[in-house]
Amino acid sequence: MELKELLGDAWKEGMTFEEAETALKEITLPDNPEVTRLKAALSKANSEAADYKKQLRGKQSEAEAEAAAQKEAYDKMAQENAELKRSMLVSQQKAKLLAMGYDEKLADSTAAAMADGDMNTVMKNQSQYLETQKKTILADKMKQTPRPAAGAEQSGGMDYQKKIDEAQASGNFSAAAYYTRLAAQQQVSQTE
């Protein structure tokens, strides 16, 4: 249907858009069952679209809540995983340090510092360990150093075996017994 037919008597040649719009507002269209049915269908479709939109918004909120819950669970697992990895690293480092000869407390401190990347503490603890090792090695060397024999020429002490032999050769058995007792006492004092 053309605009000229629709406006009928209100039609003028060379009408502007505003004049045509005003003329159309005054015209009432006859009821057409097809137009009425299409208007009803359009209204129903708009209503259903609005319902679906509301449902979608509701589901988005549920989906966002579910996503937030999943993110929270993931973050918690990631934190627990990081803590377990650190604990495992500390345990492994502590075992290695103990095998090297660190004492328990120093090994705990050093392993934790290694896991945290605190190299100042690691170096400080390494220095303590080395000082302890030096003292231990020195003490072990002192224990292993043999004592000079009694009566040795270098020590200025008395050689009891020589005295015992001289006393026996001269027949002085009481002097030989005396020197034998002194030699035994010296032997006991050296082993203590």
N, C-alpha and C. Protein backbone atom coordinates (compact mmCIF):
# COMPACT_ATOMS: atom_id res chain seq x y z
N MET A 1 0.85 -1.17 0.00
CA MET A 1 0.00 0.00 0.00
C MET A 1 0.89 1.22 0.00
N GLU A 2 0.60 2.15 -0.81
CA GLU A 2 1.40 3.36 -0.95
C GLU A 2 0.88 4.43 -0.01
N LEU A 3 1.71 5.40 0.24
CA LEU A 3 1.38 6.49 1.16
C LEU A 3 0.21 7.32 0.62
N LYS A 4 0.16 7.49 -0.67
CA LYS A 4 -0.92 8.28 -1.29
C LYS A 4 -2.27 7.62 -1.04
N GLU A 5 -2.34 6.31 -1.15
CA GLU A 5 -3.59 5.57 -0.92
C GLU A 5 -3.95 5.59 0.56
N LEU A 6 -2.97 5.47 1.39
CA LEU A 6 -3.19 5.42 2.83
C LEU A 6 -3.70 6.76 3.35
N LEU A 7 -3.16 7.87 2.90
CA LEU A 7 -3.58 9.18 3.38
C LEU A 7 -4.87 9.66 2.70
N GLY A 8 -5.15 9.20 1.53
CA GLY A 8 -6.38 9.57 0.84
C GLY A 8 -6.49 11.07 0.61
N ASP A 9 -7.56 11.74 1.22
CA ASP A 9 -7.80 13.18 1.02
C ASP A 9 -6.71 14.04 1.66
N ALA A 10 -6.00 13.52 2.67
CA ALA A 10 -4.98 14.30 3.34
C ALA A 10 -3.70 14.39 2.52
N TRP A 11 -3.67 13.65 1.43
CA TRP A 11 -2.46 13.64 0.59
C TRP A 11 -2.32 14.92 -0.18
N LYS A 12 -1.13 15.48 -0.22
CA LYS A 12 -0.81 16.68 -1.00
C LYS A 12 0.50 16.39 -1.72
N GLU A 13 0.60 16.89 -2.87
CA GLU A 13 1.81 16.71 -3.65
C GLU A 13 2.91 17.57 -3.02
N GLY A 14 4.13 16.98 -2.82
CA GLY A 14 5.27 17.71 -2.26
C GLY A 14 5.21 17.86 -0.76
N MET A 15 4.53 16.91 -0.07
CA MET A 15 4.45 16.94 1.40
C MET A 15 5.84 16.69 2.01
N THR A 16 6.10 17.37 3.11
CA THR A 16 7.35 17.12 3.84
C THR A 16 7.14 15.90 4.75
N PHE A 17 8.20 15.42 5.25
CA PHE A 17 8.13 14.24 6.13
C PHE A 17 7.31 14.54 7.38
N GLU A 18 7.49 15.70 7.97
CA GLU A 18 6.76 16.07 9.19
C GLU A 18 5.27 16.17 8.90
N GLU A 19 4.87 16.73 7.75
CA GLU A 19 3.44 16.83 7.40
C GLU A 19 2.85 15.45 7.19
N ALA A 20 3.58 14.54 6.55
CA ALA A 20 3.09 13.19 6.33
C ALA A 20 2.95 12.47 7.66
N GLU A 21 3.85 12.69 8.57
CA GLU A 21 3.80 12.03 9.88
C GLU A 21 2.58 12.53 10.66
N THR A 22 2.31 13.80 10.61
CA THR A 22 1.15 14.37 11.31
C THR A 22 -0.14 13.82 10.71
N ALA A 23 -0.21 13.70 9.39
CA ALA A 23 -1.40 13.18 8.71
C ALA A 23 -1.60 11.71 9.06
N LEU A 24 -0.57 10.95 9.21
CA LEU A 24 -0.68 9.52 9.54
C LEU A 24 -1.18 9.31 10.97
N LYS A 25 -0.84 10.21 11.87
CA LYS A 25 -1.30 10.09 13.26
C LYS A 25 -2.82 10.24 13.34
N GLU A 26 -3.40 11.03 12.47
CA GLU A 26 -4.84 11.27 12.51
C GLU A 26 -5.63 10.14 11.86
N ILE A 27 -4.99 9.30 11.07
CA ILE A 27 -5.68 8.21 10.37
C ILE A 27 -5.75 7.00 11.29
N THR A 28 -6.92 6.40 11.34
CA THR A 28 -7.10 5.16 12.06
C THR A 28 -7.23 4.05 11.04
N LEU A 29 -6.47 3.04 11.25
CA LEU A 29 -6.47 1.92 10.32
C LEU A 29 -7.64 0.99 10.65
N PRO A 30 -8.22 0.43 9.63
CA PRO A 30 -9.30 -0.51 9.90
C PRO A 30 -8.72 -1.77 10.54
N ASP A 31 -9.53 -2.42 11.38
CA ASP A 31 -9.08 -3.65 12.03
C ASP A 31 -8.87 -4.73 10.98
N ASN A 32 -7.68 -5.21 10.95
CA ASN A 32 -7.33 -6.29 10.05
C ASN A 32 -6.96 -7.48 10.92
N PRO A 33 -7.62 -8.64 10.73
CA PRO A 33 -7.34 -9.78 11.61
C PRO A 33 -5.88 -10.22 11.51
N GLU A 34 -5.28 -10.08 10.36
CA GLU A 34 -3.87 -10.49 10.18
C GLU A 34 -2.95 -9.58 10.99
N VAL A 35 -3.20 -8.29 10.97
CA VAL A 35 -2.40 -7.33 11.73
C VAL A 35 -2.57 -7.58 13.21
N THR A 36 -3.80 -7.84 13.65
CA THR A 36 -4.06 -8.12 15.06
C THR A 36 -3.31 -9.37 15.51
N ARG A 37 -3.36 -10.41 14.68
CA ARG A 37 -2.68 -11.67 15.02
C ARG A 37 -1.17 -11.43 15.09
N LEU A 38 -0.59 -10.67 14.16
CA LEU A 38 0.85 -10.39 14.16
C LEU A 38 1.25 -9.55 15.37
N LYS A 39 0.38 -8.57 15.75
CA LYS A 39 0.66 -7.77 16.94
C LYS A 39 0.68 -8.65 18.18
N ALA A 40 -0.27 -9.58 18.29
CA ALA A 40 -0.33 -10.49 19.44
C ALA A 40 0.90 -11.39 19.47
N ALA A 41 1.29 -11.90 18.29
CA ALA A 41 2.46 -12.77 18.23
C ALA A 41 3.73 -12.00 18.62
N LEU A 42 3.83 -10.75 18.16
CA LEU A 42 4.97 -9.92 18.50
C LEU A 42 5.00 -9.64 20.00
N SER A 43 3.86 -9.34 20.57
CA SER A 43 3.78 -9.08 22.01
C SER A 43 4.19 -10.32 22.80
N LYS A 44 3.71 -11.51 22.39
CA LYS A 44 4.04 -12.76 23.06
C LYS A 44 5.55 -13.04 22.94
N ALA A 45 6.11 -12.81 21.75
CA ALA A 45 7.54 -13.04 21.55
C ALA A 45 8.38 -12.10 22.41
N ASN A 46 7.95 -10.85 22.50
CA ASN A 46 8.67 -9.89 23.36
C ASN A 46 8.61 -10.31 24.82
N SER A 47 7.46 -10.79 25.26
CA SER A 47 7.28 -11.24 26.63
C SER A 47 8.18 -12.45 26.93
N GLU A 48 8.22 -13.42 26.00
CA GLU A 48 9.06 -14.60 26.19
C GLU A 48 10.54 -14.21 26.19
N ALA A 49 10.90 -13.27 25.32
CA ALA A 49 12.29 -12.81 25.28
C ALA A 49 12.69 -12.17 26.61
N ALA A 50 11.77 -11.39 27.18
CA ALA A 50 12.04 -10.76 28.47
C ALA A 50 12.20 -11.82 29.56
N ASP A 51 11.35 -12.87 29.52
CA ASP A 51 11.47 -13.96 30.51
C ASP A 51 12.81 -14.68 30.37
N TYR A 52 13.19 -14.97 29.12
CA TYR A 52 14.46 -15.65 28.90
C TYR A 52 15.64 -14.79 29.34
N LYS A 53 15.50 -13.50 29.14
CA LYS A 53 16.56 -12.58 29.54
C LYS A 53 16.70 -12.58 31.07
N LYS A 54 15.55 -12.58 31.77
CA LYS A 54 15.59 -12.64 33.23
C LYS A 54 16.23 -13.94 33.70
N GLN A 55 15.85 -15.05 33.06
CA GLN A 55 16.42 -16.34 33.43
C GLN A 55 17.93 -16.36 33.17
N LEU A 56 18.32 -15.78 32.05
CA LEU A 56 19.75 -15.74 31.72
C LEU A 56 20.52 -14.93 32.75
N ARG A 57 19.93 -13.79 33.15
CA ARG A 57 20.59 -12.98 34.18
C ARG A 57 20.68 -13.76 35.49
N GLY A 58 19.63 -14.48 35.84
CA GLY A 58 19.65 -15.29 37.06
C GLY A 58 20.69 -16.39 36.96
N LYS A 59 20.78 -17.03 35.79
CA LYS A 59 21.77 -18.08 35.61
C LYS A 59 23.18 -17.51 35.60
N GLN A 60 23.33 -16.33 35.05
CA GLN A 60 24.65 -15.72 35.06
C GLN A 60 25.09 -15.47 36.49
N SER A 61 24.18 -15.05 37.34
CA SER A 61 24.52 -14.82 38.73
C SER A 61 24.91 -16.14 39.39
N GLU A 62 24.15 -17.22 39.10
CA GLU A 62 24.48 -18.53 39.64
C GLU A 62 25.82 -19.00 39.07
N ALA A 63 26.00 -18.78 37.78
CA ALA A 63 27.25 -19.19 37.14
C ALA A 63 28.43 -18.40 37.71
N GLU A 64 28.21 -17.11 37.94
CA GLU A 64 29.28 -16.30 38.52
C GLU A 64 29.57 -16.76 39.94
N ALA A 65 28.53 -17.11 40.71
CA ALA A 65 28.73 -17.61 42.06
C ALA A 65 29.48 -18.94 42.03
N GLU A 66 29.11 -19.79 41.09
CA GLU A 66 29.79 -21.09 40.96
C GLU A 66 31.25 -20.87 40.54
N ALA A 67 31.48 -19.94 39.64
CA ALA A 67 32.85 -19.65 39.20
C ALA A 67 33.68 -19.11 40.37
N ALA A 68 33.07 -18.27 41.19
CA ALA A 68 33.78 -17.73 42.35
C ALA A 68 34.11 -18.86 43.33
N ALA A 69 33.16 -19.78 43.54
CA ALA A 69 33.41 -20.91 44.44
C ALA A 69 34.53 -21.79 43.89
N GLN A 70 34.53 -22.03 42.58
CA GLN A 70 35.58 -22.83 41.97
C GLN A 70 36.94 -22.13 42.09
N LYS A 71 36.95 -20.82 41.91
CA LYS A 71 38.20 -20.07 42.03
C LYS A 71 38.72 -20.14 43.46
N GLU A 72 37.82 -20.02 44.43
CA GLU A 72 38.23 -20.09 45.83
C GLU A 72 38.80 -21.48 46.15
N ALA A 73 38.15 -22.54 45.67
CA ALA A 73 38.65 -23.90 45.89
C ALA A 73 40.01 -24.09 45.21
N TYR A 74 40.15 -23.55 44.02
CA TYR A 74 41.43 -23.65 43.30
C TYR A 74 42.53 -22.92 44.06
N ASP A 75 42.24 -21.71 44.54
CA ASP A 75 43.23 -20.94 45.28
C ASP A 75 43.65 -21.67 46.55
N LYS A 76 42.68 -22.29 47.23
CA LYS A 76 42.98 -23.03 48.46
C LYS A 76 43.89 -24.22 48.14
N MET A 77 43.57 -24.95 47.08
CA MET A 77 44.40 -26.09 46.70
C MET A 77 45.79 -25.64 46.27
N ALA A 78 45.87 -24.52 45.57
CA ALA A 78 47.17 -24.01 45.15
C ALA A 78 48.02 -23.63 46.36
N GLN A 79 47.39 -23.02 47.36
CA GLN A 79 48.12 -22.64 48.58
C GLN A 79 48.59 -23.89 49.33
N GLU A 80 47.71 -24.89 49.46
CA GLU A 80 48.09 -26.13 50.13
C GLU A 80 49.22 -26.82 49.37
N ASN A 81 49.15 -26.80 48.05
CA ASN A 81 50.19 -27.41 47.23
C ASN A 81 51.53 -26.70 47.46
N ALA A 82 51.50 -25.39 47.51
CA ALA A 82 52.74 -24.63 47.74
C ALA A 82 53.31 -24.95 49.13
N GLU A 83 52.44 -25.06 50.13
CA GLU A 83 52.90 -25.38 51.48
C GLU A 83 53.51 -26.78 51.53
N LEU A 84 52.88 -27.73 50.83
CA LEU A 84 53.41 -29.09 50.80
C LEU A 84 54.75 -29.16 50.08
N LYS A 85 54.87 -28.42 48.99
CA LYS A 85 56.15 -28.39 48.26
C LYS A 85 57.24 -27.81 49.15
N ARG A 86 56.94 -26.73 49.88
CA ARG A 86 57.92 -26.12 50.76
C ARG A 86 58.32 -27.09 51.87
N SER A 87 57.32 -27.74 52.46
CA SER A 87 57.59 -28.70 53.53
C SER A 87 58.46 -29.84 53.03
N MET A 88 58.18 -30.32 51.84
CA MET A 88 58.96 -31.41 51.26
C MET A 88 60.39 -30.95 50.98
N LEU A 89 60.54 -29.75 50.46
CA LEU A 89 61.87 -29.20 50.19
C LEU A 89 62.67 -29.04 51.49
N VAL A 90 62.01 -28.54 52.53
CA VAL A 90 62.69 -28.37 53.83
C VAL A 90 63.13 -29.73 54.35
N SER A 91 62.26 -30.74 54.25
CA SER A 91 62.60 -32.08 54.74
C SER A 91 63.78 -32.66 53.97
N GLN A 92 63.77 -32.51 52.65
CA GLN A 92 64.87 -33.03 51.85
C GLN A 92 66.19 -32.33 52.19
N GLN A 93 66.14 -31.01 52.30
CA GLN A 93 67.36 -30.27 52.61
C GLN A 93 67.87 -30.61 54.02
N LYS A 94 66.95 -30.77 54.95
CA LYS A 94 67.33 -31.11 56.32
C LYS A 94 68.03 -32.47 56.35
N ALA A 95 67.48 -33.45 55.61
CA ALA A 95 68.09 -34.78 55.56
C ALA A 95 69.51 -34.70 55.00
N LYS A 96 69.71 -33.91 53.97
CA LYS A 96 71.05 -33.76 53.39
C LYS A 96 72.00 -33.10 54.38
N LEU A 97 71.52 -32.08 55.08
CA LEU A 97 72.37 -31.38 56.04
C LEU A 97 72.73 -32.28 57.22
N LEU A 98 71.77 -33.06 57.68
CA LEU A 98 72.06 -33.99 58.78
C LEU A 98 73.09 -35.02 58.34
N ALA A 99 72.99 -35.48 57.10
CA ALA A 99 73.96 -36.45 56.59
C ALA A 99 75.35 -35.83 56.51
N MET A 100 75.44 -34.53 56.30
CA MET A 100 76.73 -33.83 56.24
C MET A 100 77.33 -33.63 57.63
N GLY A 101 76.50 -33.76 58.67
CA GLY A 101 77.01 -33.60 60.03
C GLY A 101 76.45 -32.42 60.79
N TYR A 102 75.48 -31.73 60.23
CA TYR A 102 74.84 -30.62 60.94
C TYR A 102 74.10 -31.17 62.15
N ASP A 103 74.02 -30.37 63.23
CA ASP A 103 73.17 -30.79 64.34
C ASP A 103 71.71 -30.47 63.98
N GLU A 104 70.78 -31.04 64.73
CA GLU A 104 69.34 -30.97 64.40
C GLU A 104 68.83 -29.53 64.28
N LYS A 105 69.14 -28.72 65.28
CA LYS A 105 68.64 -27.34 65.30
C LYS A 105 69.20 -26.52 64.14
N LEU A 106 70.49 -26.64 63.89
CA LEU A 106 71.13 -25.90 62.81
C LEU A 106 70.62 -26.39 61.45
N ALA A 107 70.37 -27.68 61.32
CA ALA A 107 69.84 -28.23 60.06
C ALA A 107 68.43 -27.71 59.79
N ASP A 108 67.59 -27.63 60.84
CA ASP A 108 66.23 -27.08 60.68
C ASP A 108 66.29 -25.64 60.19
N SER A 109 67.10 -24.84 60.85
CA SER A 109 67.20 -23.42 60.50
C SER A 109 67.74 -23.23 59.08
N THR A 110 68.76 -23.98 58.73
CA THR A 110 69.37 -23.84 57.41
C THR A 110 68.44 -24.31 56.31
N ALA A 111 67.75 -25.43 56.52
CA ALA A 111 66.83 -25.96 55.51
C ALA A 111 65.68 -24.99 55.27
N ALA A 112 65.14 -24.41 56.34
CA ALA A 112 64.06 -23.43 56.18
C ALA A 112 64.56 -22.19 55.43
N ALA A 113 65.77 -21.76 55.74
CA ALA A 113 66.33 -20.60 55.05
C ALA A 113 66.56 -20.91 53.57
N MET A 114 67.01 -22.12 53.27
CA MET A 114 67.19 -22.52 51.87
C MET A 114 65.87 -22.50 51.12
N ALA A 115 64.81 -23.02 51.74
CA ALA A 115 63.50 -23.07 51.10
C ALA A 115 62.94 -21.67 50.87
N ASP A 116 63.26 -20.75 51.78
CA ASP A 116 62.75 -19.38 51.67
C ASP A 116 63.66 -18.49 50.84
N GLY A 117 64.83 -19.00 50.47
CA GLY A 117 65.77 -18.20 49.67
C GLY A 117 66.54 -17.18 50.50
N ASP A 118 66.65 -17.40 51.82
CA ASP A 118 67.35 -16.48 52.71
C ASP A 118 68.82 -16.88 52.78
N MET A 119 69.61 -16.39 51.84
CA MET A 119 71.00 -16.80 51.73
C MET A 119 71.88 -16.25 52.87
N ASN A 120 71.49 -15.14 53.47
CA ASN A 120 72.27 -14.61 54.60
C ASN A 120 72.26 -15.60 55.76
N THR A 121 71.08 -16.15 56.07
CA THR A 121 70.98 -17.13 57.14
C THR A 121 71.72 -18.41 56.77
N VAL A 122 71.62 -18.83 55.52
CA VAL A 122 72.32 -20.04 55.08
C VAL A 122 73.83 -19.87 55.28
N MET A 123 74.37 -18.72 54.89
CA MET A 123 75.80 -18.48 55.03
C MET A 123 76.22 -18.39 56.50
N LYS A 124 75.40 -17.74 57.31
CA LYS A 124 75.70 -17.64 58.75
C LYS A 124 75.72 -19.03 59.37
N ASN A 125 74.72 -19.85 59.03
CA ASN A 125 74.66 -21.21 59.57
C ASN A 125 75.82 -22.07 59.05
N GLN A 126 76.22 -21.85 57.80
CA GLN A 126 77.35 -22.59 57.23
C GLN A 126 78.63 -22.25 58.01
N SER A 127 78.80 -20.98 58.37
CA SER A 127 79.97 -20.59 59.17
C SER A 127 79.96 -21.27 60.53
N GLN A 128 78.79 -21.32 61.18
CA GLN A 128 78.68 -22.01 62.47
C GLN A 128 79.04 -23.48 62.32
N TYR A 129 78.54 -24.09 61.26
CA TYR A 129 78.82 -25.52 61.02
C TYR A 129 80.31 -25.74 60.84
N LEU A 130 80.97 -24.88 60.06
CA LEU A 130 82.40 -25.04 59.82
C LEU A 130 83.21 -24.87 61.11
N GLU A 131 82.82 -23.91 61.95
CA GLU A 131 83.51 -23.73 63.24
C GLU A 131 83.36 -24.98 64.11
N THR A 132 82.17 -25.53 64.14
CA THR A 132 81.92 -26.74 64.93
C THR A 132 82.74 -27.90 64.37
N GLN A 133 82.81 -28.00 63.05
CA GLN A 133 83.58 -29.07 62.41
C GLN A 133 85.07 -28.93 62.74
N LYS A 134 85.58 -27.70 62.70
CA LYS A 134 86.99 -27.48 63.03
C LYS A 134 87.29 -27.94 64.45
N LYS A 135 86.42 -27.57 65.38
CA LYS A 135 86.63 -27.97 66.78
C LYS A 135 86.57 -29.48 66.94
N THR A 136 85.61 -30.12 66.24
CA THR A 136 85.47 -31.58 66.32
C THR A 136 86.69 -32.27 65.75
N ILE A 137 87.18 -31.79 64.61
CA ILE A 137 88.36 -32.40 63.98
C ILE A 137 89.58 -32.23 64.87
N LEU A 138 89.75 -31.06 65.47
CA LEU A 138 90.87 -30.83 66.36
C LEU A 138 90.81 -31.74 67.59
N ALA A 139 89.61 -31.89 68.16
CA ALA A 139 89.46 -32.77 69.31
C ALA A 139 89.76 -34.22 68.94
N ASP A 140 89.30 -34.65 67.76
CA ASP A 140 89.58 -36.02 67.32
C ASP A 140 91.08 -36.23 67.12
N LYS A 141 91.76 -35.24 66.53
CA LYS A 141 93.21 -35.35 66.33
C LYS A 141 93.94 -35.42 67.67
N MET A 142 93.47 -34.65 68.62
CA MET A 142 94.11 -34.67 69.95
C MET A 142 93.93 -36.02 70.61
N LYS A 143 92.75 -36.62 70.44
CA LYS A 143 92.52 -37.95 71.03
C LYS A 143 93.38 -39.00 70.35
N GLN A 144 93.63 -38.84 69.06
CA GLN A 144 94.40 -39.84 68.31
C GLN A 144 95.91 -39.65 68.45
N THR A 145 96.33 -38.54 68.98
CA THR A 145 97.76 -38.29 69.12
C THR A 145 98.29 -39.18 70.24
N PRO A 146 99.29 -40.00 69.94
CA PRO A 146 99.82 -40.90 70.99
C PRO A 146 100.63 -40.12 72.02
N ARG A 147 100.56 -40.60 73.26
CA ARG A 147 101.35 -39.97 74.32
C ARG A 147 102.76 -40.55 74.28
N PRO A 148 103.69 -39.75 74.61
CA PRO A 148 105.06 -40.29 74.62
C PRO A 148 105.21 -41.33 75.73
N ALA A 149 106.02 -42.30 75.46
CA ALA A 149 106.22 -43.37 76.43
C ALA A 149 106.96 -42.83 77.65
N ALA A 150 106.68 -43.46 78.79
CA ALA A 150 107.31 -43.02 80.02
C ALA A 150 108.80 -43.31 79.95
N GLY A 151 109.56 -42.39 80.43
CA GLY A 151 111.00 -42.56 80.48
C GLY A 151 111.66 -42.38 79.14
N ALA A 152 110.98 -41.89 78.19
CA ALA A 152 111.60 -41.69 76.88
C ALA A 152 112.64 -40.59 77.00
N GLU A 153 113.62 -40.68 76.18
CA GLU A 153 114.73 -39.74 76.22
C GLU A 153 114.26 -38.31 76.00
N GLN A 154 113.31 -38.10 75.06
CA GLN A 154 112.89 -36.76 74.71
C GLN A 154 112.07 -36.10 75.83
N SER A 155 111.36 -36.89 76.59
CA SER A 155 110.47 -36.32 77.59
C SER A 155 111.18 -36.00 78.89
N GLY A 156 112.35 -36.52 79.07
CA GLY A 156 113.06 -36.26 80.31
C GLY A 156 112.53 -37.11 81.45
N GLY A 157 111.63 -38.04 81.11
CA GLY A 157 111.07 -38.92 82.12
C GLY A 157 111.98 -40.11 82.39
N MET A 158 111.52 -41.01 83.19
CA MET A 158 112.32 -42.15 83.59
C MET A 158 111.93 -43.36 82.75
N ASP A 159 112.89 -44.16 82.36
CA ASP A 159 112.65 -45.40 81.62
C ASP A 159 112.61 -46.52 82.66
N TYR A 160 111.39 -46.89 83.05
CA TYR A 160 111.21 -47.88 84.11
C TYR A 160 111.73 -49.26 83.70
N GLN A 161 111.61 -49.63 82.45
CA GLN A 161 112.07 -50.95 82.02
C GLN A 161 113.60 -51.07 82.19
N LYS A 162 114.28 -49.97 81.89
CA LYS A 162 115.73 -49.97 82.06
C LYS A 162 116.10 -50.13 83.53
N LYS A 163 115.34 -49.41 84.39
CA LYS A 163 115.60 -49.48 85.83
C LYS A 163 115.29 -50.88 86.37
N ILE A 164 114.22 -51.48 85.86
CA ILE A 164 113.86 -52.84 86.30
C ILE A 164 114.97 -53.81 85.91
N ASP A 165 115.45 -53.70 84.67
CA ASP A 165 116.53 -54.60 84.20
C ASP A 165 117.80 -54.43 85.05
N GLU A 166 118.16 -53.20 85.38
CA GLU A 166 119.36 -52.94 86.19
C GLU A 166 119.21 -53.53 87.59
N ALA A 167 117.98 -53.34 88.17
CA ALA A 167 117.75 -53.85 89.53
C ALA A 167 117.80 -55.37 89.55
N GLN A 168 117.27 -56.01 88.54
CA GLN A 168 117.29 -57.48 88.49
C GLN A 168 118.73 -57.97 88.28
N ALA A 169 119.50 -57.27 87.48
CA ALA A 169 120.87 -57.68 87.21
C ALA A 169 121.74 -57.56 88.47
N SER A 170 121.44 -56.57 89.29
CA SER A 170 122.23 -56.40 90.50
C SER A 170 121.69 -57.24 91.65
N GLY A 171 120.53 -57.89 91.42
CA GLY A 171 119.97 -58.75 92.45
C GLY A 171 119.10 -58.01 93.43
N ASN A 172 118.77 -56.74 93.18
CA ASN A 172 117.93 -55.95 94.07
C ASN A 172 116.48 -56.11 93.61
N PHE A 173 115.86 -57.18 94.15
CA PHE A 173 114.50 -57.49 93.71
C PHE A 173 113.46 -56.54 94.29
N SER A 174 113.72 -55.95 95.39
CA SER A 174 112.76 -54.98 95.94
C SER A 174 112.72 -53.73 95.06
N ALA A 175 113.84 -53.28 94.52
CA ALA A 175 113.88 -52.14 93.61
C ALA A 175 113.20 -52.50 92.29
N ALA A 176 113.38 -53.74 91.84
CA ALA A 176 112.75 -54.18 90.58
C ALA A 176 111.22 -54.18 90.75
N ALA A 177 110.73 -54.62 91.93
CA ALA A 177 109.28 -54.62 92.20
C ALA A 177 108.77 -53.19 92.28
N TYR A 178 109.57 -52.30 92.88
CA TYR A 178 109.18 -50.90 93.00
C TYR A 178 109.02 -50.27 91.62
N TYR A 179 110.00 -50.47 90.76
CA TYR A 179 109.93 -49.89 89.41
C TYR A 179 108.83 -50.52 88.55
N THR A 180 108.58 -51.81 88.79
CA THR A 180 107.49 -52.49 88.07
C THR A 180 106.15 -51.87 88.45
N ARG A 181 105.96 -51.58 89.77
CA ARG A 181 104.72 -50.93 90.22
C ARG A 181 104.60 -49.54 89.64
N LEU A 182 105.64 -48.75 89.60
CA LEU A 182 105.61 -47.41 89.02
C LEU A 182 105.28 -47.45 87.51
N ALA A 183 105.86 -48.43 86.80
CA ALA A 183 105.60 -48.57 85.36
C ALA A 183 104.12 -48.90 85.13
N ALA A 184 103.55 -49.76 85.98
CA ALA A 184 102.13 -50.13 85.85
C ALA A 184 101.24 -48.92 86.13
N GLN A 185 101.58 -48.12 87.15
CA GLN A 185 100.79 -46.92 87.45
C GLN A 185 100.84 -45.92 86.29
N GLN A 186 101.99 -45.76 85.70
CA GLN A 186 102.12 -44.84 84.57
C GLN A 186 101.32 -45.35 83.37
N GLN A 187 101.34 -46.64 83.15
CA GLN A 187 100.57 -47.23 82.03
C GLN A 187 99.09 -46.98 82.22
N VAL A 188 98.57 -47.12 83.44
CA VAL A 188 97.17 -46.89 83.73
C VAL A 188 96.81 -45.42 83.56
N SER A 189 97.65 -44.52 83.99
CA SER A 189 97.37 -43.09 83.87
C SER A 189 97.39 -42.63 82.41
N GLN A 190 98.17 -43.28 81.58
CA GLN A 190 98.20 -42.90 80.17
C GLN A 190 96.94 -43.34 79.42
N THR A 191 96.30 -44.40 79.83
CA THR A 191 95.11 -44.90 79.12
C THR A 191 93.85 -44.17 79.55
N GLU A 192 93.90 -43.47 80.64
CA GLU A 192 92.69 -42.77 81.13
C GLU A 192 92.40 -41.53 80.40
